[in-house]
Amino acid sequence: MLRLLETEVDTRMTDIDFRDYVDVIEDWPEPGKAVCDISRLLEHPSIFHEAVVKLAKPLVELQPNKVVGIEQRGLALGSAIAYYLGCGIVPARSIAYLPEDYARPVEWMPSSRFADRRLALVSESIDQGDRVAVVDDWLIQGTTVLAVTKAINKLGAQVIGVACVINNMSETRRKLLGRPELHSLITDLQTDVLNPVD
């Protein structure tokens, strides 16, 4: 059934411009800054399906067994990619704190760009030797993906691929990620407020 749906999408939707499903919200979270919102891509069933297939197919040969989805939209997209690949999904959650009686060990990462929240990854969700694909919605400098990659490496696993909707990273920043293959639907999304940063 999946193969049939995939074939139908491939034949009818080969000329999708995913930029049509991305909104740039300017002057947020502060004046002069902007964010990319992929909500419309996720809301449209056939576009969402096509995005998942296009991002997941290159990962098949890399044989991941886990997908880490970076909250929020990277987790939504990553869950669908994990399902396509037959992998488990591990959230990198954006949270301010955990209760003192939280029983599972957590790997904390640096603060995200949204105020006082930090990313947390449940350590025991990643096993030594895991082959991990990381999914996010939008890479600018790759800081979050780099932090997640370091945490995964620290736990004895390997990041073998990164998938995102929008890749606005400069080549200099891309090199910081090292060896993982990087797959995106949109490269160098250009507006007055979105430019790659070295």
Foldseek 3Di string as FASTA:
>chain_A
DLVVLVVVLCVPPVPDDLVVQKDWAAQPPHHLAIDIDNVSCCVDVSSLSVQLCQQLVVCLVVDFQEEEAEPDVSQVSRVSSCVVNVHHYWYFDWAQDDDPVPDFDWDWFDHDPPPRTTTITRLVVAAAAGEYEYGYAEAQLCRVVQRVQVSNVVSNYHHQAYEYAEYQADPVSVCSSPHHHYYYNYYNDDDPRGHHDD
